[in-house]
Protein backbone atom coordinates (compact mmCIF):
# COMPACT_ATOMS: atom_id res chain seq x y z
CA UNK A 1 14.86 10.73 -43.60
CA UNK A 2 12.63 13.98 -44.04
CA UNK A 3 12.66 15.17 -47.78
CA UNK A 4 13.25 18.55 -46.85
CA UNK A 5 16.30 17.70 -44.80
CA UNK A 6 17.53 15.70 -47.73
CA UNK A 7 17.10 18.80 -49.93
CA UNK A 8 18.80 20.98 -47.48
CA UNK A 9 21.86 18.67 -47.30
CA UNK A 10 22.13 18.40 -50.93
CA UNK A 11 22.02 22.19 -51.43
CA UNK A 12 24.70 22.57 -48.77
CA UNK A 13 27.02 20.36 -50.60
CA UNK A 14 26.37 21.93 -53.95
CA UNK A 15 27.01 25.28 -52.20
CA UNK A 16 30.26 24.19 -50.84
CA UNK A 17 31.46 22.89 -54.06
CA UNK A 18 30.79 26.31 -55.60
CA UNK A 19 32.25 28.28 -52.80
CA UNK A 20 35.64 29.00 -54.71
CA UNK A 21 33.80 30.30 -57.68
CA UNK A 22 31.00 32.36 -56.05
CA UNK A 23 32.52 33.30 -52.86
CA UNK A 24 29.42 32.29 -51.07
CA UNK A 25 29.64 31.45 -47.35
CA UNK A 26 28.26 28.55 -45.41
CA UNK A 27 26.15 30.85 -43.49
CA UNK A 28 24.38 32.23 -46.52
CA UNK A 29 23.81 28.78 -47.91
CA UNK A 30 22.32 27.70 -44.76
CA UNK A 31 19.96 30.74 -44.82
CA UNK A 32 18.76 29.60 -48.02
CA UNK A 33 18.37 26.08 -46.99
CA UNK A 34 16.33 27.31 -43.91
CA UNK A 35 14.12 29.48 -46.10
CA UNK A 36 13.13 26.52 -47.97
CA UNK A 37 12.85 24.29 -45.08
CA UNK A 38 11.02 26.62 -42.66
CA UNK A 39 8.56 28.56 -44.71
CA UNK A 40 7.29 32.04 -43.28
CA UNK A 41 4.00 32.03 -41.56
CA UNK A 42 1.00 33.43 -43.44
CA UNK A 43 0.12 37.22 -43.21
CA UNK A 44 -1.99 37.88 -39.99
CA UNK A 45 -2.69 41.68 -40.80
CA UNK A 46 -6.32 41.00 -41.58
CA UNK A 47 -7.03 39.24 -38.40
CA UNK A 48 -5.36 41.91 -36.25
CA UNK A 49 -7.25 44.65 -37.97
CA UNK A 50 -10.37 42.93 -37.20
CA UNK A 51 -9.48 42.59 -33.64
CA UNK A 52 -8.78 46.22 -33.49
CA UNK A 53 -12.03 46.99 -35.00
CA UNK A 54 -13.78 44.81 -32.60
CA UNK A 55 -11.95 46.65 -29.67
CA UNK A 56 -12.81 50.15 -30.92
CA UNK A 57 -16.60 49.27 -31.73
CA UNK A 58 -18.88 50.58 -28.79
CA UNK A 59 -21.08 47.97 -26.96
CA UNK A 60 -24.83 48.32 -27.32
CA UNK A 61 -26.66 49.98 -24.43
CA UNK A 62 -30.14 50.23 -23.46
CA UNK A 63 -31.67 53.61 -24.29
CA UNK A 64 -34.94 54.66 -22.46
CA UNK A 65 -37.90 55.44 -24.96
CA UNK A 66 -38.33 59.33 -24.80
CA UNK A 67 -41.95 60.74 -24.02
CA UNK A 68 -43.77 63.67 -25.31
CA UNK A 69 -44.82 66.14 -22.70
CA UNK A 70 -46.23 68.39 -25.37
CA UNK A 71 -47.57 66.75 -28.53
CA UNK A 72 -49.15 67.91 -31.76
CA UNK A 73 -52.83 67.97 -32.30
CA UNK A 74 -55.75 69.93 -34.17
CA UNK A 75 -56.11 71.85 -37.38
CA UNK A 76 -55.37 75.41 -38.30
CA UNK A 77 -56.20 77.37 -41.36
CA UNK A 78 -54.17 80.24 -42.69
CA UNK A 79 -54.75 82.57 -45.73
CA UNK A 80 -52.06 82.22 -48.50
CA UNK A 81 -49.09 84.39 -47.49
CA UNK A 82 -49.92 84.70 -43.78
CA UNK A 83 -47.27 83.80 -41.20
CA UNK A 84 -48.03 80.66 -39.36
CA UNK A 85 -47.49 80.00 -35.76
CA UNK A 86 -44.74 77.45 -34.91
CA UNK A 87 -45.58 73.84 -34.22
CA UNK A 88 -43.97 72.79 -31.15
CA UNK A 89 -43.15 69.61 -29.15
CA UNK A 90 -41.58 68.96 -25.67
CA UNK A 91 -39.81 65.63 -25.10
CA UNK A 92 -38.16 64.17 -21.89
CA UNK A 93 -36.12 60.99 -21.28
CA UNK A 94 -35.51 59.20 -18.10
CA UNK A 95 -31.73 58.51 -18.85
CA UNK A 96 -28.76 60.59 -20.28
CA UNK A 97 -29.76 60.25 -23.81
CA UNK A 98 -29.44 63.15 -26.25
CA UNK A 99 -32.56 64.10 -28.14
CA UNK A 100 -32.50 65.05 -31.72
CA UNK A 101 -35.53 65.77 -33.97
CA UNK A 102 -36.60 65.26 -37.51
CA UNK A 103 -39.90 66.96 -38.92
CA UNK A 104 -41.86 65.07 -41.64
CA UNK A 105 -44.82 66.09 -43.90
CA UNK A 106 -47.52 64.08 -45.40
CA UNK A 107 -50.69 64.61 -47.64
CA UNK A 108 -52.55 62.06 -45.52
CA UNK A 109 -53.36 62.10 -41.90
CA UNK A 110 -50.77 59.64 -40.69
CA UNK A 111 -47.59 59.84 -38.63
CA UNK A 112 -45.63 57.40 -40.85
CA UNK A 113 -44.25 57.08 -44.47
CA UNK A 114 -44.05 61.06 -44.74
CA UNK A 115 -41.19 62.91 -46.46
CA UNK A 116 -38.58 64.57 -44.17
CA UNK A 117 -38.68 68.35 -44.23
CA UNK A 118 -35.10 69.35 -44.99
CA UNK A 119 -33.15 71.28 -42.26
CA UNK A 120 -35.91 71.02 -39.78
CA UNK A 121 -34.25 69.29 -36.75
CA UNK A 122 -35.27 71.36 -33.80
CA UNK A 123 -38.34 70.90 -31.46
CA UNK A 124 -40.26 73.69 -33.23
CA UNK A 125 -41.12 74.08 -36.96
CA UNK A 126 -43.07 76.85 -38.85
CA UNK A 127 -45.08 75.50 -41.60
CA UNK A 128 -44.89 77.37 -45.05
CA UNK A 129 -47.99 79.28 -46.25
CA UNK A 130 -46.80 80.31 -49.65
CA UNK A 131 -49.15 78.22 -51.51
CA UNK A 132 -52.68 76.83 -51.11
CA UNK A 133 -52.51 73.32 -49.91
CA UNK A 134 -53.37 70.94 -47.02
CA UNK A 135 -50.58 69.25 -45.30
CA UNK A 136 -50.02 67.18 -42.03
CA UNK A 137 -46.85 67.35 -40.16
CA UNK A 138 -45.31 65.35 -37.54
CA UNK A 139 -41.84 64.98 -35.82
CA UNK A 140 -39.73 62.06 -34.80
CA UNK A 141 -37.70 62.32 -31.64
CA UNK A 142 -34.67 60.25 -31.33
CA UNK A 143 -32.71 59.54 -27.92
CA UNK A 144 -28.99 58.70 -28.55
CA UNK A 145 -26.31 57.28 -26.23
CA UNK A 146 -23.10 56.37 -27.98
CA UNK A 147 -24.23 54.22 -30.91
CA UNK A 148 -27.45 53.24 -29.46
CA UNK A 149 -30.84 54.83 -30.15
CA UNK A 150 -34.46 54.77 -29.27
CA UNK A 151 -37.37 57.01 -30.76
CA UNK A 152 -40.78 58.12 -30.73
CA UNK A 153 -43.21 59.67 -33.15
CA UNK A 154 -45.57 62.43 -32.41
CA UNK A 155 -49.24 62.87 -33.56
CA UNK A 156 -50.01 64.88 -36.52
CA UNK A 157 -51.00 68.64 -37.09
CA UNK A 158 -53.14 69.59 -39.93
CA UNK A 159 -52.28 72.87 -41.55
CA UNK A 160 -54.59 74.16 -44.19
CA UNK A 161 -53.43 77.11 -46.61
CA UNK A 162 -56.33 78.64 -48.49
CA UNK A 163 -56.65 81.48 -50.91
CA UNK A 164 -60.24 82.03 -49.62
CA UNK A 165 -59.38 81.74 -45.78
CA UNK A 166 -59.88 84.91 -43.72
CA UNK A 167 -56.47 86.53 -42.81
CA UNK A 168 -55.23 85.66 -39.34
CA UNK A 169 -54.79 89.34 -38.78
CA UNK A 170 -58.37 89.94 -39.45
CA UNK A 171 -59.40 86.95 -37.18
CA UNK A 172 -57.01 88.29 -34.50
CA UNK A 173 -58.65 91.79 -34.79
CA UNK A 174 -62.12 90.29 -34.58
CA UNK A 175 -61.04 88.26 -31.42
CA UNK A 176 -59.76 91.46 -29.77
CA UNK A 177 -62.93 93.41 -30.61
CA UNK A 178 -65.06 90.53 -28.97
CA UNK A 179 -62.81 90.74 -26.03
CA UNK A 180 -63.22 94.42 -25.54
CA UNK A 181 -67.04 94.10 -26.18
CA UNK A 182 -66.93 91.55 -23.31
CA UNK A 183 -64.78 93.73 -21.09
CA UNK A 184 -67.11 96.60 -21.63
CA UNK A 185 -70.25 94.61 -20.72
CA UNK A 186 -68.45 93.42 -17.46
CA UNK A 187 -67.27 96.93 -16.56
CA UNK A 188 -70.89 98.19 -17.24
CA UNK A 189 -72.06 95.87 -14.42
CA UNK A 190 -69.50 97.20 -12.03
CA UNK A 191 -70.40 100.59 -10.55
CA UNK A 192 -71.45 102.49 -7.36
CA UNK A 193 -74.92 103.15 -5.85
CA UNK A 194 -75.64 106.87 -5.52
CA UNK A 195 -78.33 108.76 -3.98
CA UNK A 196 -79.83 112.08 -4.93
CA UNK A 197 -82.96 114.02 -3.77
CA UNK A 198 -84.71 112.07 -6.48
CA UNK A 199 -83.77 108.62 -5.68
CA UNK A 200 -81.04 106.13 -6.13
CA UNK A 201 -79.20 105.45 -9.38
CA UNK A 202 -76.35 103.35 -10.36
CA UNK A 203 -73.00 105.19 -11.36
CA UNK A 204 -70.70 103.17 -13.68
CA UNK A 205 -68.08 105.71 -12.81
CA UNK A 206 -67.62 107.05 -16.29
CA UNK A 207 -70.57 109.45 -16.46
CA UNK A 208 -73.03 106.71 -17.57
CA UNK A 209 -75.69 104.91 -15.85
CA UNK A 210 -78.30 102.37 -16.71
CA UNK A 211 -81.70 103.74 -17.62
CA UNK A 212 -85.00 102.16 -19.14
CA UNK A 213 -83.61 98.84 -18.44
CA UNK A 214 -83.28 95.86 -16.16
CA UNK A 215 -79.94 95.22 -14.56
CA UNK A 216 -78.71 92.27 -12.58
CA UNK A 217 -76.21 93.45 -9.83
CA UNK A 218 -74.65 91.08 -7.54
CA UNK A 219 -77.31 88.32 -8.18
CA UNK A 220 -80.32 90.62 -7.93
CA UNK A 221 -82.50 92.17 -10.51
CA UNK A 222 -83.19 95.91 -10.65
CA UNK A 223 -85.38 98.11 -12.83
CA UNK A 224 -84.46 101.62 -13.75
CA UNK A 225 -86.70 104.35 -15.31
CA UNK A 226 -85.94 106.46 -18.17
CA UNK A 227 -84.25 108.92 -16.08
CA UNK A 228 -81.82 106.33 -14.50
CA UNK A 229 -83.56 106.19 -11.09
CA UNK A 230 -84.12 102.83 -9.52
CA UNK A 231 -87.83 101.75 -9.35
CA UNK A 232 -89.65 100.63 -6.16
CA UNK A 233 -93.09 99.19 -5.56
CA UNK A 234 -95.39 97.86 -8.32
CA UNK A 235 -94.11 98.03 -11.80
CA UNK A 236 -95.94 97.02 -15.05
CA UNK A 237 -93.98 96.17 -18.20
CA UNK A 238 -96.22 95.14 -21.11
CA UNK A 239 -98.78 92.91 -19.52
CA UNK A 240 -96.77 91.76 -16.73
CA UNK A 241 -96.44 93.02 -13.09
CA UNK A 242 -93.47 92.97 -10.95
CA UNK A 243 -92.94 94.16 -7.31
CA UNK A 244 -89.62 95.85 -6.46
CA UNK A 245 -88.77 96.03 -2.84
CA UNK A 246 -87.64 99.01 -0.72
CA UNK A 247 -84.11 98.20 -1.55
CA UNK A 248 -85.04 98.04 -5.34
CA UNK A 249 -84.48 94.27 -5.80
CA UNK A 250 -87.23 92.42 -7.58
CA UNK A 251 -89.35 90.13 -5.37
CA UNK A 252 -89.51 86.50 -6.41
CA UNK A 253 -91.21 83.25 -5.06
CA UNK A 254 -93.20 85.18 -2.63
CA UNK A 255 -96.63 86.74 -1.86
CA UNK A 256 -97.03 90.58 -1.88
CA UNK A 257 -100.47 92.11 -0.82
CA UNK A 258 -102.22 88.88 -1.62
CA UNK A 259 -100.64 88.40 -5.07
CA UNK A 260 -98.11 85.55 -5.69
CA UNK A 261 -94.81 86.52 -7.54
CA UNK A 262 -93.08 83.54 -9.51
CA UNK A 263 -89.38 82.66 -9.82
CA UNK A 264 -89.16 85.18 -12.82
CA UNK A 265 -90.71 87.91 -10.65
CA UNK A 266 -94.02 88.05 -12.59
CA UNK A 267 -97.33 88.20 -10.85
CA UNK A 268 -99.14 84.92 -11.28
């Protein structure tokens, strides 16, 4: 006979003998017996929590690797305290991934092992110029779908900040001056032929005209005297002779009156 059954019967008998004294019912005694003979199952809360955790965990998905359409490159020098132009990247992805950014700085020209630039999490970043130093910057772009990610690292951009560098404002001013000079020269080769009783001259339209010089107009060379009139016929300049045709243009690679004129217009 099962030992637990024997103990149960014994407990039941003892309970019945003490009924008059304790007022214990048979039902309560039987509950006690069953509690001993039929122990409770082990706690399964931990396993159920694990199942719930597995259910809420998002599955891994394949995230497309993002691509740079605008990357970093080159080197720029600024004078200490000048405002730097913002570095900028553009990134695209072939799926629905959400792109985030983190900029890094490094003292060596490498796009790995750098230090994150705190708070710089956009696709643009303006380097500081408050102290003289040379720093390389790069950015990591990460595409995220759910709990899955895929990322790409940009090339580097070198930013040199120097106490001796020329101010960017000064550089800009020089650049604008050069542009103005080029524009003026271009405008000076654009004008209108005008005839007077003394001959033809070339009007720039602003009250000025070429004089005592050669000028190339629409691919042909013309010589103007010290009064600004177009020369014609034989013309000597230094030891060289030229021939200017009736329309004023210089004759090249041809013979005139038995003399040969080369490709530079000089008489051979």
